[in-house]
PDB file of N, CA and C in Angstrom:
ATOM      1  N   MET A   1       5.373  -7.193  29.689  1.00  0.00           N
ATOM      2  CA  MET A   1       6.564  -6.438  30.019  1.00  0.00           C
ATOM      3  C   MET A   1       6.194  -4.955  30.079  1.00  0.00           C
ATOM      4  N   SER A   2       6.631  -4.283  31.141  1.00  0.00           N
ATOM      5  CA  SER A   2       6.320  -2.867  31.281  1.00  0.00           C
ATOM      6  C   SER A   2       7.187  -2.043  30.335  1.00  0.00           C
ATOM      7  N   LYS A   3       6.760  -0.812  30.101  1.00  0.00           N
ATOM      8  CA  LYS A   3       7.521   0.082  29.231  1.00  0.00           C
ATOM      9  C   LYS A   3       8.909   0.330  29.819  1.00  0.00           C
ATOM     10  N   GLN A   4       8.979   0.411  31.145  1.00  0.00           N
ATOM     11  CA  GLN A   4      10.250   0.625  31.825  1.00  0.00           C
ATOM     12  C   GLN A   4      11.192  -0.560  31.602  1.00  0.00           C
ATOM     13  N   ASP A   5      10.654  -1.781  31.702  1.00  0.00           N
ATOM     14  CA  ASP A   5      11.462  -2.972  31.454  1.00  0.00           C
ATOM     15  C   ASP A   5      11.929  -3.026  30.001  1.00  0.00           C
ATOM     16  N   ALA A   6      11.039  -2.656  29.084  1.00  0.00           N
ATOM     17  CA  ALA A   6      11.394  -2.666  27.664  1.00  0.00           C
ATOM     18  C   ALA A   6      12.511  -1.669  27.389  1.00  0.00           C
ATOM     19  N   THR A   7      12.408  -0.484  27.982  1.00  0.00           N
ATOM     20  CA  THR A   7      13.446   0.529  27.802  1.00  0.00           C
ATOM     21  C   THR A   7      14.772   0.050  28.371  1.00  0.00           C
ATOM     22  N   ALA A   8      14.735  -0.575  29.528  1.00  0.00           N
ATOM     23  CA  ALA A   8      15.961  -1.107  30.131  1.00  0.00           C
ATOM     24  C   ALA A   8      16.581  -2.171  29.229  1.00  0.00           C
ATOM     25  N   GLY A   9      15.739  -2.989  28.607  1.00  0.00           N
ATOM     26  CA  GLY A   9      16.235  -4.014  27.685  1.00  0.00           C
ATOM     27  C   GLY A   9      16.920  -3.409  26.473  1.00  0.00           C
ATOM     28  N   VAL A  10      16.371  -2.316  25.961  1.00  0.00           N
ATOM     29  CA  VAL A  10      16.975  -1.638  24.810  1.00  0.00           C
ATOM     30  C   VAL A  10      18.326  -1.057  25.213  1.00  0.00           C
ATOM     31  N   PHE A  11      18.377  -0.383  26.356  1.00  0.00           N
ATOM     32  CA  PHE A  11      19.646   0.186  26.805  1.00  0.00           C
ATOM     33  C   PHE A  11      20.685  -0.906  27.048  1.00  0.00           C
ATOM     34  N   GLY A  12      20.256  -2.021  27.625  1.00  0.00           N
ATOM     35  CA  GLY A  12      21.172  -3.138  27.847  1.00  0.00           C
ATOM     36  C   GLY A  12      21.724  -3.674  26.536  1.00  0.00           C
ATOM     37  N   ALA A  13      20.852  -3.794  25.553  1.00  0.00           N
ATOM     38  CA  ALA A  13      21.287  -4.292  24.242  1.00  0.00           C
ATOM     39  C   ALA A  13      22.247  -3.314  23.576  1.00  0.00           C
ATOM     40  N   LEU A  14      21.962  -2.028  23.714  1.00  0.00           N
ATOM     41  CA  LEU A  14      22.795  -1.007  23.079  1.00  0.00           C
ATOM     42  C   LEU A  14      24.123  -0.790  23.795  1.00  0.00           C
ATOM     43  N   ALA A  15      24.259  -1.328  24.988  1.00  0.00           N
ATOM     44  CA  ALA A  15      25.487  -1.138  25.765  1.00  0.00           C
ATOM     45  C   ALA A  15      26.686  -1.839  25.132  1.00  0.00           C
ATOM     46  N   ASP A  16      26.439  -2.825  24.305  1.00  0.00           N
ATOM     47  CA  ASP A  16      27.529  -3.606  23.715  1.00  0.00           C
ATOM     48  C   ASP A  16      27.903  -3.063  22.334  1.00  0.00           C
ATOM     49  N   PRO A  17      29.187  -2.777  22.102  1.00  0.00           N
ATOM     50  CA  PRO A  17      29.589  -2.221  20.806  1.00  0.00           C
ATOM     51  C   PRO A  17      29.346  -3.163  19.621  1.00  0.00           C
ATOM     52  N   THR A  18      29.431  -4.459  19.838  1.00  0.00           N
ATOM     53  CA  THR A  18      29.172  -5.403  18.741  1.00  0.00           C
ATOM     54  C   THR A  18      27.710  -5.349  18.332  1.00  0.00           C
ATOM     55  N   ARG A  19      26.824  -5.267  19.305  1.00  0.00           N
ATOM     56  CA  ARG A  19      25.400  -5.188  18.983  1.00  0.00           C
ATOM     57  C   ARG A  19      25.072  -3.877  18.264  1.00  0.00           C
ATOM     58  N   ARG A  20      25.722  -2.785  18.666  1.00  0.00           N
ATOM     59  CA  ARG A  20      25.505  -1.523  17.950  1.00  0.00           C
ATOM     60  C   ARG A  20      26.010  -1.637  16.516  1.00  0.00           C
ATOM     61  N   ALA A  21      27.116  -2.331  16.325  1.00  0.00           N
ATOM     62  CA  ALA A  21      27.651  -2.525  14.966  1.00  0.00           C
ATOM     63  C   ALA A  21      26.690  -3.362  14.119  1.00  0.00           C
ATOM     64  N   ILE A  22      26.068  -4.368  14.719  1.00  0.00           N
ATOM     65  CA  ILE A  22      25.080  -5.185  14.001  1.00  0.00           C
ATOM     66  C   ILE A  22      23.905  -4.307  13.565  1.00  0.00           C
ATOM     67  N   LEU A  23      23.445  -3.441  14.459  1.00  0.00           N
ATOM     68  CA  LEU A  23      22.336  -2.549  14.123  1.00  0.00           C
ATOM     69  C   LEU A  23      22.714  -1.591  12.993  1.00  0.00           C
ATOM     70  N   ARG A  24      23.942  -1.068  13.021  1.00  0.00           N
ATOM     71  CA  ARG A  24      24.387  -0.184  11.930  1.00  0.00           C
ATOM     72  C   ARG A  24      24.403  -0.937  10.601  1.00  0.00           C
ATOM     73  N   LEU A  25      24.821  -2.193  10.638  1.00  0.00           N
ATOM     74  CA  LEU A  25      24.838  -3.018   9.431  1.00  0.00           C
ATOM     75  C   LEU A  25      23.415  -3.232   8.905  1.00  0.00           C
ATOM     76  N   LEU A  26      22.477  -3.473   9.809  1.00  0.00           N
ATOM     77  CA  LEU A  26      21.089  -3.711   9.412  1.00  0.00           C
ATOM     78  C   LEU A  26      20.373  -2.434   8.991  1.00  0.00           C
ATOM     79  N   ARG A  27      20.941  -1.301   9.327  1.00  0.00           N
ATOM     80  CA  ARG A  27      20.345  -0.028   8.909  1.00  0.00           C
ATOM     81  C   ARG A  27      20.308   0.064   7.388  1.00  0.00           C
ATOM     82  N   ARG A  28      21.230  -0.614   6.725  1.00  0.00           N
ATOM     83  CA  ARG A  28      21.303  -0.603   5.259  1.00  0.00           C
ATOM     84  C   ARG A  28      20.321  -1.580   4.616  1.00  0.00           C
ATOM     85  N   GLY A  29      19.674  -2.415   5.452  1.00  0.00           N
ATOM     86  CA  GLY A  29      18.708  -3.378   4.924  1.00  0.00           C
ATOM     87  C   GLY A  29      18.852  -4.728   5.588  1.00  0.00           C
ATOM     88  N   SER A  30      17.875  -5.585   5.371  1.00  0.00           N
ATOM     89  CA  SER A  30      17.856  -6.921   5.961  1.00  0.00           C
ATOM     90  C   SER A  30      19.068  -7.720   5.490  1.00  0.00           C
ATOM     91  N   LYS A  31      19.568  -8.570   6.391  1.00  0.00           N
ATOM     92  CA  LYS A  31      20.727  -9.410   6.075  1.00  0.00           C
ATOM     93  C   LYS A  31      20.548 -10.778   6.698  1.00  0.00           C
ATOM     94  N   SER A  32      21.100 -11.776   6.030  1.00  0.00           N
ATOM     95  CA  SER A  32      21.068 -13.126   6.591  1.00  0.00           C
ATOM     96  C   SER A  32      22.097 -13.219   7.716  1.00  0.00           C
ATOM     97  N   ALA A  33      21.919 -14.203   8.569  1.00  0.00           N
ATOM     98  CA  ALA A  33      22.867 -14.414   9.662  1.00  0.00           C
ATOM     99  C   ALA A  33      24.270 -14.630   9.109  1.00  0.00           C
ATOM    100  N   GLY A  34      24.369 -15.339   7.993  1.00  0.00           N
ATOM    101  CA  GLY A  34      25.672 -15.581   7.371  1.00  0.00           C
ATOM    102  C   GLY A  34      26.329 -14.310   6.878  1.00  0.00           C
ATOM    103  N   ASP A  35      25.524 -13.423   6.273  1.00  0.00           N
ATOM    104  CA  ASP A  35      26.055 -12.145   5.797  1.00  0.00           C
ATOM    105  C   ASP A  35      26.565 -11.299   6.964  1.00  0.00           C
ATOM    106  N   ILE A  36      25.817 -11.303   8.053  1.00  0.00           N
ATOM    107  CA  ILE A  36      26.230 -10.546   9.234  1.00  0.00           C
ATOM    108  C   ILE A  36      27.493 -11.158   9.833  1.00  0.00           C
ATOM    109  N   ALA A  37      27.543 -12.485   9.893  1.00  0.00           N
ATOM    110  CA  ALA A  37      28.694 -13.175  10.473  1.00  0.00           C
ATOM    111  C   ALA A  37      29.987 -12.832   9.733  1.00  0.00           C
ATOM    112  N   GLU A  38      29.901 -12.628   8.420  1.00  0.00           N
ATOM    113  CA  GLU A  38      31.090 -12.296   7.632  1.00  0.00           C
ATOM    114  C   GLU A  38      31.726 -10.987   8.068  1.00  0.00           C
ATOM    115  N   ALA A  39      30.939 -10.094   8.671  1.00  0.00           N
ATOM    116  CA  ALA A  39      31.443  -8.789   9.090  1.00  0.00           C
ATOM    117  C   ALA A  39      32.128  -8.830  10.453  1.00  0.00           C
ATOM    118  N   PHE A  40      32.028  -9.953  11.146  1.00  0.00           N
ATOM    119  CA  PHE A  40      32.553 -10.051  12.508  1.00  0.00           C
ATOM    120  C   PHE A  40      33.406 -11.307  12.670  1.00  0.00           C
ATOM    121  N   GLN A  41      34.415 -11.220  13.493  1.00  0.00           N
ATOM    122  CA  GLN A  41      35.230 -12.389  13.813  1.00  0.00           C
ATOM    123  C   GLN A  41      34.756 -12.948  15.149  1.00  0.00           C
ATOM    124  N   LEU A  42      33.568 -13.530  15.127  1.00  0.00           N
ATOM    125  CA  LEU A  42      32.960 -14.078  16.329  1.00  0.00           C
ATOM    126  C   LEU A  42      32.535 -15.513  16.070  1.00  0.00           C
ATOM    127  N   THR A  43      32.478 -16.308  17.138  1.00  0.00           N
ATOM    128  CA  THR A  43      31.980 -17.671  17.000  1.00  0.00           C
ATOM    129  C   THR A  43      30.475 -17.618  16.772  1.00  0.00           C
ATOM    130  N   LYS A  44      29.931 -18.688  16.205  1.00  0.00           N
ATOM    131  CA  LYS A  44      28.482 -18.739  15.969  1.00  0.00           C
ATOM    132  C   LYS A  44      27.695 -18.605  17.274  1.00  0.00           C
ATOM    133  N   PRO A  45      28.108 -19.292  18.365  1.00  0.00           N
ATOM    134  CA  PRO A  45      27.353 -19.127  19.609  1.00  0.00           C
ATOM    135  C   PRO A  45      27.371 -17.686  20.133  1.00  0.00           C
ATOM    136  N   THR A  46      28.495 -17.002  19.990  1.00  0.00           N
ATOM    137  CA  THR A  46      28.584 -15.611  20.447  1.00  0.00           C
ATOM    138  C   THR A  46      27.671 -14.724  19.620  1.00  0.00           C
ATOM    139  N   LEU A  47      27.704 -14.893  18.318  1.00  0.00           N
ATOM    140  CA  LEU A  47      26.847 -14.106  17.440  1.00  0.00           C
ATOM    141  C   LEU A  47      25.373 -14.418  17.703  1.00  0.00           C
ATOM    142  N   SER A  48      25.066 -15.668  17.926  1.00  0.00           N
ATOM    143  CA  SER A  48      23.701 -16.077  18.246  1.00  0.00           C
ATOM    144  C   SER A  48      23.217 -15.399  19.531  1.00  0.00           C
ATOM    145  N   HIS A  49      24.099 -15.289  20.507  1.00  0.00           N
ATOM    146  CA  HIS A  49      23.751 -14.604  21.767  1.00  0.00           C
ATOM    147  C   HIS A  49      23.417 -13.137  21.492  1.00  0.00           C
ATOM    148  N   HIS A  50      24.236 -12.472  20.673  1.00  0.00           N
ATOM    149  CA  HIS A  50      23.970 -11.069  20.340  1.00  0.00           C
ATOM    150  C   HIS A  50      22.619 -10.926  19.636  1.00  0.00           C
ATOM    151  N   PHE A  51      22.328 -11.819  18.691  1.00  0.00           N
ATOM    152  CA  PHE A  51      21.030 -11.787  18.009  1.00  0.00           C
ATOM    153  C   PHE A  51      19.887 -11.954  19.017  1.00  0.00           C
ATOM    154  N   SER A  52      20.054 -12.870  19.952  1.00  0.00           N
ATOM    155  CA  SER A  52      19.026 -13.135  20.956  1.00  0.00           C
ATOM    156  C   SER A  52      18.757 -11.892  21.810  1.00  0.00           C
ATOM    157  N   VAL A  53      19.814 -11.233  22.256  1.00  0.00           N
ATOM    158  CA  VAL A  53      19.655 -10.023  23.074  1.00  0.00           C
ATOM    159  C   VAL A  53      18.940  -8.940  22.267  1.00  0.00           C
ATOM    160  N   LEU A  54      19.337  -8.767  21.019  1.00  0.00           N
ATOM    161  CA  LEU A  54      18.706  -7.750  20.172  1.00  0.00           C
ATOM    162  C   LEU A  54      17.243  -8.070  19.886  1.00  0.00           C
ATOM    163  N   ARG A  55      16.928  -9.347  19.697  1.00  0.00           N
ATOM    164  CA  ARG A  55      15.525  -9.755  19.469  1.00  0.00           C
ATOM    165  C   ARG A  55      14.685  -9.494  20.715  1.00  0.00           C
ATOM    166  N   ARG A  56      15.192  -9.914  21.885  1.00  0.00           N
ATOM    167  CA  ARG A  56      14.440  -9.705  23.134  1.00  0.00           C
ATOM    168  C   ARG A  56      14.182  -8.226  23.403  1.00  0.00           C
ATOM    169  N   ALA A  57      15.121  -7.375  23.001  1.00  0.00           N
ATOM    170  CA  ALA A  57      14.959  -5.932  23.200  1.00  0.00           C
ATOM    171  C   ALA A  57      14.032  -5.317  22.158  1.00  0.00           C
ATOM    172  N   GLY A  58      13.629  -6.101  21.161  1.00  0.00           N
ATOM    173  CA  GLY A  58      12.741  -5.599  20.121  1.00  0.00           C
ATOM    174  C   GLY A  58      13.456  -4.759  19.069  1.00  0.00           C
ATOM    175  N   LEU A  59      14.788  -4.878  19.012  1.00  0.00           N
ATOM    176  CA  LEU A  59      15.561  -4.072  18.072  1.00  0.00           C
ATOM    177  C   LEU A  59      15.710  -4.723  16.702  1.00  0.00           C
ATOM    178  N   ILE A  60      15.577  -6.040  16.636  1.00  0.00           N
ATOM    179  CA  ILE A  60      15.621  -6.743  15.357  1.00  0.00           C
ATOM    180  C   ILE A  60      14.515  -7.780  15.308  1.00  0.00           C
ATOM    181  N   ARG A  61      14.182  -8.175  14.089  1.00  0.00           N
ATOM    182  CA  ARG A  61      13.209  -9.239  13.850  1.00  0.00           C
ATOM    183  C   ARG A  61      13.910 -10.319  13.041  1.00  0.00           C
ATOM    184  N   ALA A  62      13.649 -11.571  13.380  1.00  0.00           N
ATOM    185  CA  ALA A  62      14.234 -12.696  12.647  1.00  0.00           C
ATOM    186  C   ALA A  62      13.138 -13.388  11.848  1.00  0.00           C
ATOM    187  N   GLU A  63      13.479 -13.734  10.614  1.00  0.00           N
ATOM    188  CA  GLU A  63      12.522 -14.428   9.741  1.00  0.00           C
ATOM    189  C   GLU A  63      13.261 -15.538   9.004  1.00  0.00           C
ATOM    190  N   ARG A  64      12.710 -16.740   9.081  1.00  0.00           N
ATOM    191  CA  ARG A  64      13.328 -17.860   8.370  1.00  0.00           C
ATOM    192  C   ARG A  64      12.927 -17.793   6.902  1.00  0.00           C
ATOM    193  N   ARG A  65      13.933 -17.853   6.032  1.00  0.00           N
ATOM    194  CA  ARG A  65      13.706 -17.900   4.582  1.00  0.00           C
ATOM    195  C   ARG A  65      14.491 -19.092   4.051  1.00  0.00           C
ATOM    196  N   GLY A  66      13.784 -20.158   3.815  1.00  0.00           N
ATOM    197  CA  GLY A  66      14.440 -21.392   3.389  1.00  0.00           C
ATOM    198  C   GLY A  66      15.332 -21.908   4.504  1.00  0.00           C
ATOM    199  N   THR A  67      16.610 -22.039   4.212  1.00  0.00           N
ATOM    200  CA  THR A  67      17.548 -22.527   5.224  1.00  0.00           C
ATOM    201  C   THR A  67      18.251 -21.389   5.953  1.00  0.00           C
ATOM    202  N   SER A  68      17.926 -20.148   5.609  1.00  0.00           N
ATOM    203  CA  SER A  68      18.586 -18.986   6.227  1.00  0.00           C
ATOM    204  C   SER A  68      17.659 -18.284   7.207  1.00  0.00           C
ATOM    205  N   ILE A  69      18.275 -17.591   8.147  1.00  0.00           N
ATOM    206  CA  ILE A  69      17.544 -16.686   9.022  1.00  0.00           C
ATOM    207  C   ILE A  69      17.953 -15.279   8.613  1.00  0.00           C
ATOM    208  N   VAL A  70      16.950 -14.457   8.315  1.00  0.00           N
ATOM    209  CA  VAL A  70      17.196 -13.089   7.867  1.00  0.00           C
ATOM    210  C   VAL A  70      16.769 -12.143   8.990  1.00  0.00           C
ATOM    211  N   TYR A  71      17.661 -11.207   9.293  1.00  0.00           N
ATOM    212  CA  TYR A  71      17.407 -10.241  10.364  1.00  0.00           C
ATOM    213  C   TYR A  71      17.096  -8.881   9.776  1.00  0.00           C
ATOM    214  N   THR A  72      16.139  -8.191  10.410  1.00  0.00           N
ATOM    215  CA  THR A  72      15.693  -6.876   9.970  1.00  0.00           C
ATOM    216  C   THR A  72      15.675  -5.939  11.174  1.00  0.00           C
ATOM    217  N   LEU A  73      16.144  -4.718  10.972  1.00  0.00           N
ATOM    218  CA  LEU A  73      16.135  -3.702  12.018  1.00  0.00           C
ATOM    219  C   LEU A  73      14.697  -3.295  12.327  1.00  0.00           C
ATOM    220  N   GLN A  74      14.375  -3.195  13.588  1.00  0.00           N
ATOM    221  CA  GLN A  74      13.070  -2.727  14.045  1.00  0.00           C
ATOM    222  C   GLN A  74      13.290  -1.342  14.661  1.00  0.00           C
ATOM    223  N   SER A  75      13.203  -0.313  13.866  1.00  0.00           N
ATOM    224  CA  SER A  75      13.577   1.024  14.326  1.00  0.00           C
ATOM    225  C   SER A  75      12.596   1.625  15.329  1.00  0.00           C
ATOM    226  N   ASN A  76      11.395   1.074  15.438  1.00  0.00           N
ATOM    227  CA  ASN A  76      10.416   1.648  16.362  1.00  0.00           C
ATOM    228  C   ASN A  76      10.904   1.619  17.808  1.00  0.00           C
ATOM    229  N   ALA A  77      11.628   0.571  18.219  1.00  0.00           N
ATOM    230  CA  ALA A  77      12.155   0.506  19.592  1.00  0.00           C
ATOM    231  C   ALA A  77      13.188   1.608  19.807  1.00  0.00           C
ATOM    232  N   LEU A  78      14.013   1.855  18.810  1.00  0.00           N
ATOM    233  CA  LEU A  78      15.010   2.926  18.911  1.00  0.00           C
ATOM    234  C   LEU A  78      14.336   4.296  18.965  1.00  0.00           C
ATOM    235  N   GLU A  79      13.292   4.457  18.174  1.00  0.00           N
ATOM    236  CA  GLU A  79      12.574   5.733  18.147  1.00  0.00           C
ATOM    237  C   GLU A  79      11.935   6.023  19.499  1.00  0.00           C
ATOM    238  N   GLU A  80      11.382   5.001  20.130  1.00  0.00           N
ATOM    239  CA  GLU A  80      10.759   5.187  21.442  1.00  0.00           C
ATOM    240  C   GLU A  80      11.781   5.598  22.491  1.00  0.00           C
ATOM    241  N   VAL A  81      12.953   4.969  22.479  1.00  0.00           N
ATOM    242  CA  VAL A  81      13.998   5.310  23.441  1.00  0.00           C
ATOM    243  C   VAL A  81      14.532   6.714  23.164  1.00  0.00           C
ATOM    244  N   ALA A  82      14.704   7.049  21.886  1.00  0.00           N
ATOM    245  CA  ALA A  82      15.170   8.395  21.532  1.00  0.00           C
ATOM    246  C   ALA A  82      14.182   9.448  22.026  1.00  0.00           C
ATOM    247  N   ALA A  83      12.890   9.172  21.887  1.00  0.00           N
ATOM    248  CA  ALA A  83      11.868  10.111  22.353  1.00  0.00           C
ATOM    249  C   ALA A  83      11.944  10.263  23.873  1.00  0.00           C
ATOM    250  N   GLU A  84      12.164   9.162  24.580  1.00  0.00           N
ATOM    251  CA  GLU A  84      12.296   9.247  26.034  1.00  0.00           C
ATOM    252  C   GLU A  84      13.513  10.062  26.435  1.00  0.00           C
ATOM    253  N   LEU A  85      14.612   9.883  25.714  1.00  0.00           N
ATOM    254  CA  LEU A  85      15.819  10.660  26.009  1.00  0.00           C
ATOM    255  C   LEU A  85      15.592  12.146  25.775  1.00  0.00           C
ATOM    256  N   LEU A  86      14.893  12.465  24.690  1.00  0.00           N
ATOM    257  CA  LEU A  86      14.620  13.868  24.393  1.00  0.00           C
ATOM    258  C   LEU A  86      13.733  14.510  25.453  1.00  0.00           C
ATOM    259  N   GLU A  87      12.885  13.704  26.088  1.00  0.00           N
ATOM    260  CA  GLU A  87      12.037  14.229  27.156  1.00  0.00           C
ATOM    261  C   GLU A  87      12.864  14.662  28.366  1.00  0.00           C
ATOM    262  N   LEU A  88      14.083  14.145  28.493  1.00  0.00           N
ATOM    263  CA  LEU A  88      14.950  14.494  29.617  1.00  0.00           C
ATOM    264  C   LEU A  88      15.685  15.815  29.405  1.00  0.00           C
ATOM    265  N   VAL A  89      15.754  16.263  28.157  1.00  0.00           N
ATOM    266  CA  VAL A  89      16.456  17.501  27.833  1.00  0.00           C
ATOM    267  C   VAL A  89      15.532  18.674  28.136  1.00  0.00           C
ATOM    268  N   PRO A  90      16.022  19.640  28.928  1.00  0.00           N
ATOM    269  CA  PRO A  90      15.174  20.803  29.229  1.00  0.00           C
ATOM    270  C   PRO A  90      14.834  21.563  27.951  1.00  0.00           C
ATOM    271  N   THR A  91      13.624  22.097  27.901  1.00  0.00           N
ATOM    272  CA  THR A  91      13.195  22.832  26.705  1.00  0.00           C
ATOM    273  C   THR A  91      14.082  24.044  26.470  1.00  0.00           C
ATOM    274  N   SER A  92      14.682  24.587  27.519  1.00  0.00           N
ATOM    275  CA  SER A  92      15.572  25.738  27.354  1.00  0.00           C
ATOM    276  C   SER A  92      16.783  25.360  26.503  1.00  0.00           C
ATOM    277  N   ALA A  93      17.214  24.119  26.547  1.00  0.00           N
ATOM    278  CA  ALA A  93      18.342  23.679  25.729  1.00  0.00           C
ATOM    279  C   ALA A  93      17.984  23.731  24.247  1.00  0.00           C
ATOM    280  N   PHE A  94      16.745  23.390  23.898  1.00  0.00           N
ATOM    281  CA  PHE A  94      16.306  23.471  22.507  1.00  0.00           C
ATOM    282  C   PHE A  94      16.254  24.926  22.044  1.00  0.00           C
ATOM    283  N   ARG A  95      15.748  25.808  22.914  1.00  0.00           N
ATOM    284  CA  ARG A  95      15.684  27.231  22.574  1.00  0.00           C
ATOM    285  C   ARG A  95      17.078  27.789  22.342  1.00  0.00           C
ATOM    286  N   LEU A  96      18.016  27.423  23.210  1.00  0.00           N
ATOM    287  CA  LEU A  96      19.388  27.904  23.103  1.00  0.00           C
ATOM    288  C   LEU A  96      20.020  27.451  21.792  1.00  0.00           C
ATOM    289  N   ARG A  97      19.796  26.212  21.395  1.00  0.00           N
ATOM    290  CA  ARG A  97      20.325  25.712  20.134  1.00  0.00           C
ATOM    291  C   ARG A  97      19.754  26.481  18.950  1.00  0.00           C
ATOM    292  N   LYS A  98      18.441  26.745  18.974  1.00  0.00           N
ATOM    293  CA  LYS A  98      17.805  27.489  17.885  1.00  0.00           C
ATOM    294  C   LYS A  98      18.393  28.891  17.771  1.00  0.00           C
ATOM    295  N   GLU A  99      18.616  29.541  18.929  1.00  0.00           N
ATOM    296  CA  GLU A  99      19.172  30.892  18.925  1.00  0.00           C
ATOM    297  C   GLU A  99      20.588  30.889  18.370  1.00  0.00           C
ATOM    298  N   ARG A 100      21.377  29.883  18.708  1.00  0.00           N
ATOM    299  CA  ARG A 100      22.754  29.797  18.223  1.00  0.00           C
ATOM    300  C   ARG A 100      22.798  29.551  16.719  1.00  0.00           C
ATOM    301  N   ALA A 101      21.810  28.788  16.216  1.00  0.00           N
ATOM    302  CA  ALA A 101      21.773  28.451  14.795  1.00  0.00           C
ATOM    303  C   ALA A 101      21.335  29.643  13.937  1.00  0.00           C
ATOM    304  N   SER A 102      20.636  30.568  14.545  1.00  0.00           N
ATOM    305  CA  SER A 102      20.120  31.728  13.789  1.00  0.00           C
ATOM    306  C   SER A 102      21.189  32.746  13.513  1.00  0.00           C
TER     307      SER A 102
END
């Protein structure tokens, strides 16, 4: 998969508010699928679809622990996209912010 395809996958995953909410929940630490499900009023197939999209985008990792699946945030994909976004901001915008803060 090219870097461009990977970035598009991350943006696609982040486009959904439920998936962003799942990521915010995982920011506090790894959670089982059941723990995550308790925070949402979604069917298991719908939640499973969201997990699948997030996994394919490289935003979460799934690990089986006994009879549970535990999900963990993979922040490196988010960091890469954030860095790409920052590359789009003109350097003059950073200078202007620094001057305003002083």
